[in-house]
Structures are given as structure tokens and as C-alpha cells.
Amino acid sequence: MTPAITPDLDALYQPPLEMVQKAVLDRLVDFHQAYLAQATFFCLATGSARGLDASPRGGPPGFVRVLDPHTVAFADWPGNNRIESLRNLQEDERLGMLFLFPGLEVFMRINGRGRLTTEAALLQALSENGHTPKVATVVQVDEVLMHCGRAINRARLWEESARLERGSLPTVGRILAAVKQMQDASAASSEAEIGQIDAHYTAAVRNQLY
């Protein structure tokens, strides 16, 4: 294997433009809040001594609530119950939030520190469709910035022609069946069993949101 060469990043990359540096703020201003009022999806990055984690978060427009120019909050809703993000934040409060806006060629990033809370009034304020979350995360904003959307166009993310056909990749049922057989070579799953898993997954991921 060829030895890794540590690159001289300062030689390879130009420094960011002055206006880019000045656009990194320590608080939310009007245009940030306007984007958050429309935001429906972000990826949450957390870490601990065990390692790093990135986890998707989604909800109706405004599901990330602005409490004041330095603070936002969002609810935790059911997922796969691994709750790595929550456990990480109990150990290390640092986090990053990367927001995507369907159809737009821009991201928004928030870096800050998060704490978990079960404060009843906040949980009630973050309720959705008559459901109240068990836990919320309150984020103290350290940095907020708008981020270039070139990656969106490189990925053709919002183009209809870039959408994958459902049958182009293994389904959840087939993945779970393969994992099961990796652990026990004699534990082959039938097509009927795979179909049942796929049907259950589709119903759960679309309808069992809370």
C-alpha cells in the first residue's frame, strides 16, 4: 500500500472570501429564522468517546423551534431506538446541524451545544399531530452559516431524472434476510418472509411517525 502523504491544505486551497468569513454569525438573524420556519429536514452530527454519529431529523415546516436568537429546540420522535444521538449528547454536548431545503441550492449549518430536556411546557410546544415527544434537544447556537449548494447540483439531488427506481437496490427485507444468513448460514428467508418484512417496513415508515 502506498504511504499516505499528508497534504498541505493551505497550499491546495485558497482562503475563504472575506464575505464568506463575515457571514458566519454567532446568533440567528431574520433570514436564518425565515429558513428555519420552512425547514423540514436536517442531519444531526454528534459524538462521544465511542465515536461519531450522523442522524436524520424531519418534520413539518418549523419543526425546529427558534426560542431566541441564540437558541433552538427540536423534538425526538420514534426511529430505530438506537438513540445514539441522545446518548452522545449526554456525554458530549457538541453538535452540528445541516439543513436541506427541497428544491433550493443552498444549505444552512448550525454548530453548537445541545442538552436534553423533558420540560413539560417545551415538549407540549413541540408536539405534532396531537403527539407529545418524550425528549427534546435544546441547542445553544455557537455558529450559523449558509452553505454553498454545489453538492446538490453535483448529486442532481432535486432532479426528477436522478430519482432511483424502487427495485434498483436491495429492499429492507432482503438486507435483513442477508444479515440473518450471514449470522446463520442455515437461516434462509423465503420470498414470502421477505415480502412481509418489506410490507411492514413500508407501512411503518410512512404511517407510524409518532
Protein backbone atom coordinates (compact mmCIF):
# COMPACT_ATOMS: atom_id res chain seq x y z
CA MET A 1 0.00 0.00 0.00
CA THR A 2 1.30 3.46 -0.93
CA PRO A 3 2.13 5.51 2.21
CA ALA A 4 -0.31 8.30 2.87
CA ILE A 5 1.00 11.76 2.12
CA THR A 6 -0.23 14.48 4.43
CA PRO A 7 -1.45 17.28 2.15
CA ASP A 8 -0.61 20.92 2.68
CA LEU A 9 -4.18 22.18 2.72
CA ASP A 10 -3.19 25.85 2.79
CA ALA A 11 -1.22 25.34 -0.41
CA LEU A 12 -4.02 23.43 -2.12
CA TYR A 13 -6.96 25.67 -1.18
CA GLN A 14 -7.42 29.40 -1.29
CA PRO A 15 -8.71 31.04 1.91
CA PRO A 16 -12.45 31.72 2.02
CA LEU A 17 -13.60 35.07 0.72
CA GLU A 18 -13.93 37.81 3.30
CA MET A 19 -17.70 37.95 2.81
CA VAL A 20 -17.90 34.18 3.47
CA GLN A 21 -15.99 34.57 6.73
CA LYS A 22 -18.13 37.53 7.80
CA ALA A 23 -21.32 35.55 7.07
CA VAL A 24 -20.54 33.10 9.91
CA LEU A 25 -22.53 34.51 12.83
CA ASP A 26 -22.93 33.57 16.48
CA ARG A 27 -26.69 34.17 16.51
CA LEU A 28 -29.76 33.71 14.34
CA VAL A 29 -30.84 36.78 12.40
CA ASP A 30 -34.02 37.35 10.40
CA PHE A 31 -33.02 35.41 7.29
CA HIS A 32 -31.86 32.40 9.33
CA GLN A 33 -35.19 32.37 11.12
CA ALA A 34 -37.04 32.60 7.80
CA TYR A 35 -35.23 29.49 6.58
CA LEU A 36 -35.88 27.64 9.84
CA ALA A 37 -39.58 28.46 9.56
CA GLN A 38 -39.59 26.47 6.29
CA ALA A 39 -37.09 23.76 7.24
CA THR A 40 -38.41 20.18 7.13
CA PHE A 41 -35.16 18.15 7.29
CA PHE A 42 -31.68 18.24 8.77
CA CYS A 43 -28.87 15.84 9.62
CA LEU A 44 -27.66 15.88 13.21
CA ALA A 45 -23.99 15.17 13.94
CA THR A 46 -22.93 14.17 17.46
CA GLY A 47 -20.03 12.37 19.05
CA SER A 48 -18.68 10.72 22.18
CA ALA A 49 -15.78 8.55 23.28
CA ARG A 50 -17.48 5.70 21.41
CA GLY A 51 -17.24 7.53 18.09
CA LEU A 52 -19.25 9.79 15.81
CA ASP A 53 -22.81 9.63 14.55
CA ALA A 54 -24.95 11.36 11.93
CA SER A 55 -28.70 11.01 12.16
CA PRO A 56 -31.60 12.35 10.03
CA ARG A 57 -34.34 14.52 11.54
CA GLY A 58 -37.55 15.57 9.81
CA GLY A 59 -40.87 17.21 10.47
CA PRO A 60 -43.35 19.79 9.25
CA PRO A 61 -42.10 23.30 8.39
CA GLY A 62 -40.82 24.97 11.55
CA PHE A 63 -40.31 21.72 13.48
CA VAL A 64 -37.03 23.22 14.69
CA ARG A 65 -38.33 25.94 17.00
CA VAL A 66 -36.46 29.22 17.46
CA LEU A 67 -36.58 30.08 21.18
CA ASP A 68 -34.42 33.21 20.86
CA PRO A 69 -31.59 34.40 18.57
CA HIS A 70 -29.13 32.12 20.38
CA THR A 71 -31.30 29.05 20.99
CA VAL A 72 -33.32 26.49 19.02
CA ALA A 73 -35.10 23.32 20.08
CA PHE A 74 -36.42 20.20 18.40
CA ALA A 75 -38.28 17.09 19.48
CA ASP A 76 -37.08 13.50 19.37
CA TRP A 77 -39.53 11.21 17.58
CA PRO A 78 -39.53 7.40 17.22
CA GLY A 79 -36.89 5.83 15.00
CA ASN A 80 -34.97 2.60 15.40
CA ASN A 81 -34.49 3.13 19.17
CA ARG A 82 -30.71 3.10 18.94
CA ILE A 83 -30.86 6.72 20.26
CA GLU A 84 -27.14 7.24 19.64
CA SER A 85 -27.59 10.99 19.28
CA LEU A 86 -29.28 11.26 22.67
CA ARG A 87 -26.67 9.13 24.40
CA ASN A 88 -23.87 11.08 22.74
CA LEU A 89 -25.27 14.41 23.91
CA GLN A 90 -25.38 13.15 27.48
CA GLU A 91 -21.62 12.65 27.21
CA ASP A 92 -20.54 15.40 24.80
CA GLU A 93 -22.77 18.44 24.23
CA ARG A 94 -21.18 19.45 20.91
CA LEU A 95 -23.33 19.00 17.81
CA GLY A 96 -23.76 20.07 14.21
CA MET A 97 -26.97 20.54 12.21
CA LEU A 98 -27.02 20.51 8.40
CA PHE A 99 -30.33 21.65 6.86
CA LEU A 100 -31.51 20.76 3.36
CA PHE A 101 -34.29 22.71 1.65
CA PRO A 102 -36.03 20.70 -1.11
CA GLY A 103 -35.70 22.47 -4.43
CA LEU A 104 -33.18 25.07 -3.22
CA GLU A 105 -29.46 25.15 -4.00
CA VAL A 106 -28.29 26.14 -0.52
CA PHE A 107 -27.69 24.52 2.86
CA MET A 108 -27.78 26.04 6.33
CA ARG A 109 -25.49 24.89 9.12
CA ILE A 110 -25.74 25.35 12.87
CA ASN A 111 -22.88 24.33 15.15
CA GLY A 112 -23.48 24.48 18.85
CA ARG A 113 -24.07 22.66 22.11
CA GLY A 114 -27.13 20.60 22.94
CA ARG A 115 -28.79 19.49 26.14
CA LEU A 116 -31.66 17.07 26.57
CA THR A 117 -34.77 18.10 28.44
CA THR A 118 -38.16 16.73 29.48
CA GLU A 119 -39.55 20.14 30.43
CA ALA A 120 -43.30 19.72 30.02
CA ALA A 121 -44.04 23.16 28.57
CA LEU A 122 -41.40 22.81 25.86
CA LEU A 123 -42.44 19.27 24.98
CA GLN A 124 -46.00 20.49 24.60
CA ALA A 125 -44.88 23.36 22.39
CA LEU A 126 -43.05 20.86 20.15
CA SER A 127 -45.97 18.45 19.85
CA GLU A 128 -47.09 17.35 16.39
CA ASN A 129 -50.43 15.96 15.24
CA GLY A 130 -51.61 15.54 18.82
CA HIS A 131 -48.47 13.69 19.89
CA THR A 132 -46.05 14.93 22.57
CA PRO A 133 -42.39 13.88 22.40
CA LYS A 134 -40.62 12.13 25.27
CA VAL A 135 -37.48 14.25 24.99
CA ALA A 136 -36.39 17.48 23.31
CA THR A 137 -32.96 18.85 22.48
CA VAL A 138 -32.23 22.49 23.24
CA VAL A 139 -29.34 23.89 21.19
CA GLN A 140 -27.17 26.83 22.16
CA VAL A 141 -26.02 28.29 18.84
CA ASP A 142 -22.28 28.88 18.53
CA GLU A 143 -22.12 29.32 14.75
CA VAL A 144 -24.70 29.64 12.00
CA LEU A 145 -23.95 29.99 8.31
CA MET A 146 -25.45 29.50 4.88
CA HIS A 147 -23.51 26.93 2.88
CA CYS A 148 -22.80 26.66 -0.85
CA GLY A 149 -25.11 24.25 -2.68
CA ARG A 150 -22.71 22.91 -5.32
CA ALA A 151 -23.01 19.42 -3.83
CA ILE A 152 -26.74 19.48 -4.60
CA ASN A 153 -26.05 20.02 -8.29
CA ARG A 154 -23.20 17.52 -8.37
CA ALA A 155 -25.65 14.97 -6.96
CA ARG A 156 -28.53 16.26 -9.14
CA LEU A 157 -30.43 15.90 -5.88
CA TRP A 158 -33.64 17.66 -6.84
CA GLU A 159 -33.80 16.45 -10.44
CA GLU A 160 -36.62 14.04 -11.26
CA SER A 161 -34.29 12.11 -13.56
CA ALA A 162 -31.99 11.35 -10.62
CA ARG A 163 -34.69 9.56 -8.59
CA LEU A 164 -33.94 5.88 -8.02
CA GLU A 165 -36.34 3.16 -9.07
CA ARG A 166 -37.57 1.22 -6.03
CA GLY A 167 -36.32 -2.05 -7.44
CA SER A 168 -32.85 -0.81 -8.35
CA LEU A 169 -31.37 -1.68 -4.94
CA PRO A 170 -31.99 -4.42 -2.35
CA THR A 171 -35.06 -3.78 -0.21
CA VAL A 172 -35.00 -3.62 3.59
CA GLY A 173 -36.44 -7.12 3.67
CA ARG A 174 -33.65 -8.50 1.50
CA ILE A 175 -30.99 -6.67 3.53
CA LEU A 176 -32.29 -8.10 6.81
CA ALA A 177 -32.53 -11.56 5.26
CA ALA A 178 -28.91 -11.31 4.08
CA VAL A 179 -27.72 -10.18 7.51
CA LYS A 180 -29.63 -13.01 9.14
CA GLN A 181 -27.98 -15.55 6.84
CA MET A 182 -24.53 -14.01 7.42
CA GLN A 183 -25.01 -14.80 11.11
CA ASP A 184 -26.52 -18.24 10.49
CA ALA A 185 -25.88 -19.85 7.11
CA SER A 186 -28.86 -22.17 7.55
CA ALA A 187 -31.31 -19.33 8.27
CA ALA A 188 -32.51 -18.63 4.74
CA SER A 189 -35.61 -16.45 4.40
CA SER A 190 -38.37 -17.24 1.94
CA GLU A 191 -39.66 -14.76 -0.62
CA ALA A 192 -42.88 -14.58 1.38
CA GLU A 193 -41.00 -13.67 4.56
CA ILE A 194 -39.02 -11.01 2.71
CA GLY A 195 -42.22 -9.60 1.25
CA GLN A 196 -43.82 -9.43 4.71
CA ILE A 197 -40.83 -7.53 6.11
CA ASP A 198 -40.92 -5.08 3.19
CA ALA A 199 -44.66 -4.52 3.60
CA HIS A 200 -44.28 -3.96 7.35
CA TYR A 201 -41.39 -1.56 6.84
CA THR A 202 -43.24 0.47 4.21
CA ALA A 203 -46.33 0.78 6.40
CA ALA A 204 -44.30 1.72 9.48
CA VAL A 205 -42.01 4.26 7.84
CA ARG A 206 -44.96 6.05 6.20
CA ASN A 207 -47.63 5.82 8.88
CA GLN A 208 -46.14 5.14 12.31
CA LEU A 209 -44.46 8.53 12.57
CA TYR A 210 -45.12 9.26 16.23
